[in-house]
């Protein structure tokens, strides 16, 4: 694996954690270091870091707050 790719993985705690638990990525990153983009997308999906996930969580929180407020009336 290229040093640049390894340093990029170690820089982000979540990327490194996912790398430790899903070691099959070693083979892919060793063969082609440009697969780091696919790895990052996989990490975002796994840890719900995409924009759509954040919007969905915000909507869920608003719904919970409105339900609590309506039950207090």
Protein backbone atom coordinates (compact mmCIF):
# COMPACT_ATOMS: atom_id res chain seq x y z
CA UNK A 1 0.00 0.00 0.00
CA UNK A 2 1.26 3.44 -0.76
CA UNK A 3 2.36 5.56 2.17
CA UNK A 4 0.07 8.38 1.07
CA UNK A 5 -2.96 6.09 1.22
CA UNK A 6 -1.96 4.70 4.60
CA UNK A 7 -1.49 8.17 6.06
CA UNK A 8 -4.88 9.23 4.73
CA UNK A 9 -6.48 6.25 6.45
CA UNK A 10 -4.74 6.96 9.74
CA UNK A 11 -5.65 10.64 9.62
CA UNK A 12 -9.36 9.98 10.12
CA UNK A 13 -10.32 7.92 13.17
CA UNK A 14 -13.47 6.47 11.60
CA UNK A 15 -11.67 5.48 8.42
CA UNK A 16 -8.99 3.71 10.43
CA UNK A 17 -11.56 1.92 12.60
CA UNK A 18 -13.46 0.67 9.56
CA UNK A 19 -10.18 -0.44 8.03
CA UNK A 20 -9.31 -2.52 11.09
CA UNK A 21 -12.67 -4.30 11.14
CA UNK A 22 -12.95 -4.79 7.37
CA UNK A 23 -9.51 -5.98 6.43
CA UNK A 24 -10.61 -7.07 2.95
CA UNK A 25 -9.99 -3.47 1.94
CA UNK A 26 -6.25 -4.10 2.29
CA UNK A 27 -6.25 -6.16 -0.89
CA UNK A 28 -8.15 -3.53 -2.87
CA UNK A 29 -6.07 -0.62 -1.63
CA UNK A 30 -2.83 -2.49 -2.26
CA UNK A 31 -3.79 -3.20 -5.85
CA UNK A 32 -5.14 0.23 -6.70
CA UNK A 33 -4.80 3.20 -4.40
CA UNK A 34 -7.50 5.09 -6.30
CA UNK A 35 -10.08 2.85 -4.62
CA UNK A 36 -9.75 5.13 -1.59
CA UNK A 37 -12.72 7.06 -3.01
CA UNK A 38 -14.89 3.93 -2.91
CA UNK A 39 -13.60 3.24 0.59
CA UNK A 40 -14.62 6.72 1.75
CA UNK A 41 -18.10 6.30 0.27
CA UNK A 42 -18.44 2.95 2.02
CA UNK A 43 -17.38 4.58 5.30
CA UNK A 44 -19.94 7.36 4.87
CA UNK A 45 -22.70 4.83 4.25
CA UNK A 46 -21.66 2.67 7.20
CA UNK A 47 -21.43 5.54 9.71
CA UNK A 48 -24.38 7.54 8.27
CA UNK A 49 -22.26 10.56 7.35
CA UNK A 50 -23.94 11.37 4.05
CA UNK A 51 -25.95 14.56 3.68
CA UNK A 52 -29.18 12.62 3.19
CA UNK A 53 -28.57 10.76 6.45
CA UNK A 54 -28.03 14.02 8.33
CA UNK A 55 -31.22 15.53 6.89
CA UNK A 56 -33.18 12.40 7.77
CA UNK A 57 -31.86 12.52 11.35
CA UNK A 58 -32.82 16.19 11.65
CA UNK A 59 -36.34 15.48 10.40
CA UNK A 60 -36.66 12.60 12.87
CA UNK A 61 -35.57 14.86 15.72
CA UNK A 62 -38.09 17.53 14.71
CA UNK A 63 -40.84 14.90 14.63
CA UNK A 64 -39.92 13.67 18.11
CA UNK A 65 -39.90 17.19 19.51
CA UNK A 66 -43.26 18.02 17.93
CA UNK A 67 -44.77 14.79 19.27
CA UNK A 68 -43.52 15.55 22.78
CA UNK A 69 -44.86 19.10 22.60
CA UNK A 70 -48.24 17.96 21.32
CA UNK A 71 -48.52 15.36 24.09
CA UNK A 72 -47.81 18.05 26.71
CA UNK A 73 -50.79 20.15 25.59
